[in-house]
């Protein structure tokens, strides 16, 4: 029973070749999709919204940089809005990831509690068996 708990609680520790960001991202989404398809869809939507906001921010920053000193104040509100939108989308993605990590942490803590209880049972059984051996 203990090995089953350990396997259920811990991520696989199989050596894997290094992956680039796109491969890691794809693997994460696939893993998330197997565990919770709705969460995978939410993650992809949040990730894509963040990427869209980042692209818009980069576009606005490029326009701002290209503008001369005299025109920069004209682009400043658009730049601030793009930064705000990027920050909002990034925070939404972080909130999602934090919630998933809290769920994983709670699951791991529960598994640790079960394993600790099993170890305590083994300790008690061991003490009883050792007592039997001393009585003979």
Foldseek 3Di string as FASTA:
>chain_A
DLVVLVPVLDDDPDDDDDDDPVVVVVVVLVVCCVVPVVLSVVLVVLVVQLVVLVVQLVVLVVVLVPDDPVCNVVSVVVNVVSVVSNVVSVVVNVVSVVVVVVVSVVSNVVSVVVSVVVVVVVVVVVVVVVVVVVVD
